[in-house]
Amino acid sequence: MFLALVVACGGSGGKVDQAVAIAKELRERPDEAEKILGAHQMTAEQWETLMYEIADDPAMAEQFEAGLQKK
């Protein structure tokens, strides 16, 4: 069951892709952070937790940094 949930949610790659999309939006419109996070069904606390999760995993961190570099 857990594996099905991970696959359905995209695993860690899906988290990183979501984080990259949000980060790019936040860079473009920092004054609209609450609105941007809400559009992604995320609170500021959830965003912070996701950033720590990515930072704590070298592979996820590398994928995140690479995603930010893409246009």
PDB file of N, CA and C in Angstrom:
ATOM      1  N   MET A   1       0.827  -1.196   0.000  1.00  0.00           N
ATOM      2  CA  MET A   1       0.000   0.000   0.000  1.00  0.00           C
ATOM      3  C   MET A   1       0.871   1.259   0.000  1.00  0.00           C
ATOM      4  N   PHE A   2       1.901   1.260   0.843  1.00  0.00           N
ATOM      5  CA  PHE A   2       2.766   2.431   0.925  1.00  0.00           C
ATOM      6  C   PHE A   2       3.421   2.724  -0.420  1.00  0.00           C
ATOM      7  N   LEU A   3       3.909   1.688  -1.076  1.00  0.00           N
ATOM      8  CA  LEU A   3       4.554   1.875  -2.376  1.00  0.00           C
ATOM      9  C   LEU A   3       3.592   2.488  -3.377  1.00  0.00           C
ATOM     10  N   ALA A   4       2.352   2.044  -3.356  1.00  0.00           N
ATOM     11  CA  ALA A   4       1.345   2.608  -4.262  1.00  0.00           C
ATOM     12  C   ALA A   4       1.143   4.083  -3.974  1.00  0.00           C
ATOM     13  N   LEU A   5       1.159   4.451  -2.703  1.00  0.00           N
ATOM     14  CA  LEU A   5       0.989   5.860  -2.327  1.00  0.00           C
ATOM     15  C   LEU A   5       2.176   6.687  -2.814  1.00  0.00           C
ATOM     16  N   VAL A   6       3.373   6.161  -2.637  1.00  0.00           N
ATOM     17  CA  VAL A   6       4.572   6.872  -3.090  1.00  0.00           C
ATOM     18  C   VAL A   6       4.545   7.051  -4.595  1.00  0.00           C
ATOM     19  N   VAL A   7       4.201   6.004  -5.326  1.00  0.00           N
ATOM     20  CA  VAL A   7       4.127   6.089  -6.781  1.00  0.00           C
ATOM     21  C   VAL A   7       3.053   7.079  -7.203  1.00  0.00           C
ATOM     22  N   ALA A   8       1.903   7.042  -6.562  1.00  0.00           N
ATOM     23  CA  ALA A   8       0.802   7.946  -6.909  1.00  0.00           C
ATOM     24  C   ALA A   8       1.175   9.398  -6.644  1.00  0.00           C
ATOM     25  N   CYS A   9       1.952   9.624  -5.612  1.00  0.00           N
ATOM     26  CA  CYS A   9       2.336  10.992  -5.249  1.00  0.00           C
ATOM     27  C   CYS A   9       3.609  11.439  -5.958  1.00  0.00           C
ATOM     28  N   GLY A  10       4.230  10.553  -6.703  1.00  0.00           N
ATOM     29  CA  GLY A  10       5.423  10.920  -7.445  1.00  0.00           C
ATOM     30  C   GLY A  10       6.716  10.703  -6.687  1.00  0.00           C
ATOM     31  N   GLY A  11       6.675  10.119  -5.491  1.00  0.00           N
ATOM     32  CA  GLY A  11       7.887   9.889  -4.718  1.00  0.00           C
ATOM     33  C   GLY A  11       8.602  11.183  -4.418  1.00  0.00           C
ATOM     34  N   SER A  12       9.892  11.100  -4.119  1.00  0.00           N
ATOM     35  CA  SER A  12      10.646  12.305  -3.776  1.00  0.00           C
ATOM     36  C   SER A  12      10.821  13.215  -4.982  1.00  0.00           C
ATOM     37  N   GLY A  13      10.852  12.643  -6.181  1.00  0.00           N
ATOM     38  CA  GLY A  13      10.967  13.476  -7.387  1.00  0.00           C
ATOM     39  C   GLY A  13       9.784  14.402  -7.545  1.00  0.00           C
ATOM     40  N   GLY A  14       8.593  13.917  -7.199  1.00  0.00           N
ATOM     41  CA  GLY A  14       7.403  14.753  -7.260  1.00  0.00           C
ATOM     42  C   GLY A  14       7.464  15.900  -6.266  1.00  0.00           C
ATOM     43  N   LYS A  15       8.009  15.606  -5.088  1.00  0.00           N
ATOM     44  CA  LYS A  15       8.172  16.651  -4.073  1.00  0.00           C
ATOM     45  C   LYS A  15       9.134  17.714  -4.562  1.00  0.00           C
ATOM     46  N   VAL A  16      10.222  17.272  -5.148  1.00  0.00           N
ATOM     47  CA  VAL A  16      11.229  18.220  -5.627  1.00  0.00           C
ATOM     48  C   VAL A  16      10.664  19.050  -6.770  1.00  0.00           C
ATOM     49  N   ASP A  17       9.955  18.416  -7.683  1.00  0.00           N
ATOM     50  CA  ASP A  17       9.354  19.150  -8.798  1.00  0.00           C
ATOM     51  C   ASP A  17       8.385  20.204  -8.277  1.00  0.00           C
ATOM     52  N   GLN A  18       7.583  19.833  -7.289  1.00  0.00           N
ATOM     53  CA  GLN A  18       6.641  20.787  -6.702  1.00  0.00           C
ATOM     54  C   GLN A  18       7.407  21.924  -6.029  1.00  0.00           C
ATOM     55  N   ALA A  19       8.458  21.582  -5.289  1.00  0.00           N
ATOM     56  CA  ALA A  19       9.245  22.602  -4.600  1.00  0.00           C
ATOM     57  C   ALA A  19       9.896  23.570  -5.585  1.00  0.00           C
ATOM     58  N   VAL A  20      10.393  23.040  -6.675  1.00  0.00           N
ATOM     59  CA  VAL A  20      11.019  23.887  -7.700  1.00  0.00           C
ATOM     60  C   VAL A  20       9.984  24.851  -8.287  1.00  0.00           C
ATOM     61  N   ALA A  21       8.823  24.329  -8.619  1.00  0.00           N
ATOM     62  CA  ALA A  21       7.762  25.176  -9.191  1.00  0.00           C
ATOM     63  C   ALA A  21       7.380  26.284  -8.223  1.00  0.00           C
ATOM     64  N   ILE A  22       7.211  25.936  -6.961  1.00  0.00           N
ATOM     65  CA  ILE A  22       6.835  26.936  -5.955  1.00  0.00           C
ATOM     66  C   ILE A  22       7.957  27.949  -5.772  1.00  0.00           C
ATOM     67  N   ALA A  23       9.188  27.471  -5.655  1.00  0.00           N
ATOM     68  CA  ALA A  23      10.321  28.370  -5.449  1.00  0.00           C
ATOM     69  C   ALA A  23      10.451  29.378  -6.579  1.00  0.00           C
ATOM     70  N   LYS A  24      10.250  28.924  -7.801  1.00  0.00           N
ATOM     71  CA  LYS A  24      10.332  29.839  -8.942  1.00  0.00           C
ATOM     72  C   LYS A  24       9.236  30.901  -8.867  1.00  0.00           C
ATOM     73  N   GLU A  25       8.032  30.488  -8.488  1.00  0.00           N
ATOM     74  CA  GLU A  25       6.946  31.448  -8.349  1.00  0.00           C
ATOM     75  C   GLU A  25       7.234  32.441  -7.229  1.00  0.00           C
ATOM     76  N   LEU A  26       7.778  31.943  -6.120  1.00  0.00           N
ATOM     77  CA  LEU A  26       8.092  32.818  -4.985  1.00  0.00           C
ATOM     78  C   LEU A  26       9.173  33.829  -5.345  1.00  0.00           C
ATOM     79  N   ARG A  27      10.133  33.415  -6.150  1.00  0.00           N
ATOM     80  CA  ARG A  27      11.184  34.342  -6.593  1.00  0.00           C
ATOM     81  C   ARG A  27      10.597  35.456  -7.449  1.00  0.00           C
ATOM     82  N   GLU A  28       9.635  35.104  -8.295  1.00  0.00           N
ATOM     83  CA  GLU A  28       9.031  36.087  -9.191  1.00  0.00           C
ATOM     84  C   GLU A  28       8.092  37.034  -8.458  1.00  0.00           C
ATOM     85  N   ARG A  29       7.378  36.501  -7.436  1.00  0.00           N
ATOM     86  CA  ARG A  29       6.362  37.300  -6.754  1.00  0.00           C
ATOM     87  C   ARG A  29       6.432  37.087  -5.233  1.00  0.00           C
ATOM     88  N   PRO A  30       7.522  37.530  -4.603  1.00  0.00           N
ATOM     89  CA  PRO A  30       7.694  37.276  -3.172  1.00  0.00           C
ATOM     90  C   PRO A  30       6.591  37.892  -2.297  1.00  0.00           C
ATOM     91  N   ASP A  31       5.993  38.953  -2.750  1.00  0.00           N
ATOM     92  CA  ASP A  31       4.929  39.590  -1.965  1.00  0.00           C
ATOM     93  C   ASP A  31       3.637  38.777  -1.960  1.00  0.00           C
ATOM     94  N   GLU A  32       3.559  37.772  -2.811  1.00  0.00           N
ATOM     95  CA  GLU A  32       2.362  36.942  -2.907  1.00  0.00           C
ATOM     96  C   GLU A  32       2.607  35.523  -2.376  1.00  0.00           C
ATOM     97  N   ALA A  33       3.538  35.394  -1.439  1.00  0.00           N
ATOM     98  CA  ALA A  33       3.934  34.072  -0.942  1.00  0.00           C
ATOM     99  C   ALA A  33       2.750  33.270  -0.407  1.00  0.00           C
ATOM    100  N   GLU A  34       1.929  33.876   0.408  1.00  0.00           N
ATOM    101  CA  GLU A  34       0.791  33.154   0.993  1.00  0.00           C
ATOM    102  C   GLU A  34      -0.156  32.660  -0.096  1.00  0.00           C
ATOM    103  N   LYS A  35      -0.403  33.506  -1.075  1.00  0.00           N
ATOM    104  CA  LYS A  35      -1.293  33.139  -2.179  1.00  0.00           C
ATOM    105  C   LYS A  35      -0.691  32.005  -3.014  1.00  0.00           C
ATOM    106  N   ILE A  36       0.596  32.086  -3.276  1.00  0.00           N
ATOM    107  CA  ILE A  36       1.277  31.060  -4.073  1.00  0.00           C
ATOM    108  C   ILE A  36       1.238  29.719  -3.339  1.00  0.00           C
ATOM    109  N   LEU A  37       1.586  29.737  -2.062  1.00  0.00           N
ATOM    110  CA  LEU A  37       1.568  28.496  -1.289  1.00  0.00           C
ATOM    111  C   LEU A  37       0.156  27.917  -1.233  1.00  0.00           C
ATOM    112  N   GLY A  38      -0.834  28.772  -1.040  1.00  0.00           N
ATOM    113  CA  GLY A  38      -2.221  28.311  -1.000  1.00  0.00           C
ATOM    114  C   GLY A  38      -2.654  27.668  -2.303  1.00  0.00           C
ATOM    115  N   ALA A  39      -2.186  28.221  -3.410  1.00  0.00           N
ATOM    116  CA  ALA A  39      -2.524  27.655  -4.719  1.00  0.00           C
ATOM    117  C   ALA A  39      -1.951  26.251  -4.882  1.00  0.00           C
ATOM    118  N   HIS A  40      -0.912  25.960  -4.129  1.00  0.00           N
ATOM    119  CA  HIS A  40      -0.292  24.638  -4.161  1.00  0.00           C
ATOM    120  C   HIS A  40      -0.732  23.798  -2.959  1.00  0.00           C
ATOM    121  N   GLN A  41      -1.813  24.216  -2.308  1.00  0.00           N
ATOM    122  CA  GLN A  41      -2.348  23.519  -1.130  1.00  0.00           C
ATOM    123  C   GLN A  41      -1.276  23.292  -0.078  1.00  0.00           C
ATOM    124  N   MET A  42      -0.521  24.359   0.224  1.00  0.00           N
ATOM    125  CA  MET A  42       0.577  24.251   1.170  1.00  0.00           C
ATOM    126  C   MET A  42       0.583  25.452   2.097  1.00  0.00           C
ATOM    127  N   THR A  43       0.866  25.204   3.378  1.00  0.00           N
ATOM    128  CA  THR A  43       1.027  26.283   4.343  1.00  0.00           C
ATOM    129  C   THR A  43       2.499  26.670   4.405  1.00  0.00           C
ATOM    130  N   ALA A  44       2.792  27.778   5.052  1.00  0.00           N
ATOM    131  CA  ALA A  44       4.183  28.192   5.221  1.00  0.00           C
ATOM    132  C   ALA A  44       4.965  27.148   6.016  1.00  0.00           C
ATOM    133  N   GLU A  45       4.306  26.547   7.005  1.00  0.00           N
ATOM    134  CA  GLU A  45       4.965  25.516   7.810  1.00  0.00           C
ATOM    135  C   GLU A  45       5.282  24.282   6.960  1.00  0.00           C
ATOM    136  N   GLN A  46       4.350  23.892   6.093  1.00  0.00           N
ATOM    137  CA  GLN A  46       4.588  22.744   5.214  1.00  0.00           C
ATOM    138  C   GLN A  46       5.713  23.040   4.231  1.00  0.00           C
ATOM    139  N   TRP A  47       5.765  24.273   3.741  1.00  0.00           N
ATOM    140  CA  TRP A  47       6.824  24.675   2.818  1.00  0.00           C
ATOM    141  C   TRP A  47       8.180  24.585   3.522  1.00  0.00           C
ATOM    142  N   GLU A  48       8.249  25.077   4.735  1.00  0.00           N
ATOM    143  CA  GLU A  48       9.486  25.035   5.497  1.00  0.00           C
ATOM    144  C   GLU A  48       9.925  23.582   5.736  1.00  0.00           C
ATOM    145  N   THR A  49       8.975  22.730   6.094  1.00  0.00           N
ATOM    146  CA  THR A  49       9.272  21.320   6.317  1.00  0.00           C
ATOM    147  C   THR A  49       9.797  20.671   5.040  1.00  0.00           C
ATOM    148  N   LEU A  50       9.180  20.982   3.917  1.00  0.00           N
ATOM    149  CA  LEU A  50       9.621  20.437   2.637  1.00  0.00           C
ATOM    150  C   LEU A  50      11.034  20.913   2.304  1.00  0.00           C
ATOM    151  N   MET A  51      11.334  22.166   2.561  1.00  0.00           N
ATOM    152  CA  MET A  51      12.673  22.686   2.285  1.00  0.00           C
ATOM    153  C   MET A  51      13.722  21.982   3.141  1.00  0.00           C
ATOM    154  N   TYR A  52      13.405  21.727   4.411  1.00  0.00           N
ATOM    155  CA  TYR A  52      14.337  20.997   5.278  1.00  0.00           C
ATOM    156  C   TYR A  52      14.507  19.559   4.802  1.00  0.00           C
ATOM    157  N   GLU A  53      13.419  18.937   4.378  1.00  0.00           N
ATOM    158  CA  GLU A  53      13.491  17.564   3.882  1.00  0.00           C
ATOM    159  C   GLU A  53      14.404  17.488   2.664  1.00  0.00           C
ATOM    160  N   ILE A  54      14.263  18.431   1.768  1.00  0.00           N
ATOM    161  CA  ILE A  54      15.106  18.455   0.562  1.00  0.00           C
ATOM    162  C   ILE A  54      16.555  18.738   0.934  1.00  0.00           C
ATOM    163  N   ALA A  55      16.774  19.680   1.821  1.00  0.00           N
ATOM    164  CA  ALA A  55      18.135  20.033   2.224  1.00  0.00           C
ATOM    165  C   ALA A  55      18.851  18.876   2.917  1.00  0.00           C
ATOM    166  N   ASP A  56      18.096  18.047   3.620  1.00  0.00           N
ATOM    167  CA  ASP A  56      18.682  16.920   4.344  1.00  0.00           C
ATOM    168  C   ASP A  56      19.003  15.725   3.460  1.00  0.00           C
ATOM    169  N   ASP A  57      18.559  15.736   2.224  1.00  0.00           N
ATOM    170  CA  ASP A  57      18.784  14.611   1.309  1.00  0.00           C
ATOM    171  C   ASP A  57      19.632  15.108   0.136  1.00  0.00           C
ATOM    172  N   PRO A  58      20.899  14.702   0.077  1.00  0.00           N
ATOM    173  CA  PRO A  58      21.787  15.218  -0.976  1.00  0.00           C
ATOM    174  C   PRO A  58      21.243  15.037  -2.397  1.00  0.00           C
ATOM    175  N   ALA A  59      20.616  13.914  -2.686  1.00  0.00           N
ATOM    176  CA  ALA A  59      20.092  13.687  -4.036  1.00  0.00           C
ATOM    177  C   ALA A  59      18.938  14.635  -4.331  1.00  0.00           C
ATOM    178  N   MET A  60      18.055  14.805  -3.349  1.00  0.00           N
ATOM    179  CA  MET A  60      16.934  15.731  -3.543  1.00  0.00           C
ATOM    180  C   MET A  60      17.439  17.161  -3.660  1.00  0.00           C
ATOM    181  N   ALA A  61      18.441  17.525  -2.856  1.00  0.00           N
ATOM    182  CA  ALA A  61      18.989  18.878  -2.892  1.00  0.00           C
ATOM    183  C   ALA A  61      19.616  19.175  -4.254  1.00  0.00           C
ATOM    184  N   GLU A  62      20.323  18.184  -4.786  1.00  0.00           N
ATOM    185  CA  GLU A  62      20.941  18.355  -6.105  1.00  0.00           C
ATOM    186  C   GLU A  62      19.871  18.522  -7.183  1.00  0.00           C
ATOM    187  N   GLN A  63      18.828  17.711  -7.098  1.00  0.00           N
ATOM    188  CA  GLN A  63      17.735  17.799  -8.066  1.00  0.00           C
ATOM    189  C   GLN A  63      17.031  19.153  -7.953  1.00  0.00           C
ATOM    190  N   PHE A  64      16.857  19.634  -6.732  1.00  0.00           N
ATOM    191  CA  PHE A  64      16.215  20.928  -6.513  1.00  0.00           C
ATOM    192  C   PHE A  64      17.044  22.054  -7.130  1.00  0.00           C
ATOM    193  N   GLU A  65      18.341  22.056  -6.847  1.00  0.00           N
ATOM    194  CA  GLU A  65      19.222  23.091  -7.392  1.00  0.00           C
ATOM    195  C   GLU A  65      19.241  23.059  -8.923  1.00  0.00           C
ATOM    196  N   ALA A  66      19.274  21.865  -9.475  1.00  0.00           N
ATOM    197  CA  ALA A  66      19.267  21.735 -10.932  1.00  0.00           C
ATOM    198  C   ALA A  66      17.940  22.257 -11.501  1.00  0.00           C
ATOM    199  N   GLY A  67      16.856  21.955 -10.829  1.00  0.00           N
ATOM    200  CA  GLY A  67      15.553  22.431 -11.279  1.00  0.00           C
ATOM    201  C   GLY A  67      15.433  23.932 -11.256  1.00  0.00           C
ATOM    202  N   LEU A  68      16.047  24.554 -10.265  1.00  0.00           N
ATOM    203  CA  LEU A  68      16.004  26.017 -10.186  1.00  0.00           C
ATOM    204  C   LEU A  68      16.774  26.666 -11.335  1.00  0.00           C
ATOM    205  N   GLN A  69      17.793  25.970 -11.832  1.00  0.00           N
ATOM    206  CA  GLN A  69      18.616  26.513 -12.913  1.00  0.00           C
ATOM    207  C   GLN A  69      17.913  26.449 -14.275  1.00  0.00           C
ATOM    208  N   LYS A  70      16.940  25.520 -14.397  1.00  0.00           N
ATOM    209  CA  LYS A  70      16.205  25.387 -15.659  1.00  0.00           C
ATOM    210  C   LYS A  70      15.270  26.563 -15.828  1.00  0.00           C
ATOM    211  N   LYS A  71      15.077  26.949 -17.063  1.00  0.00           N
ATOM    212  CA  LYS A  71      14.156  28.061 -17.324  1.00  0.00           C
ATOM    213  C   LYS A  71      12.812  27.552 -17.721  1.00  0.00           C
TER     214      LYS A  71
END
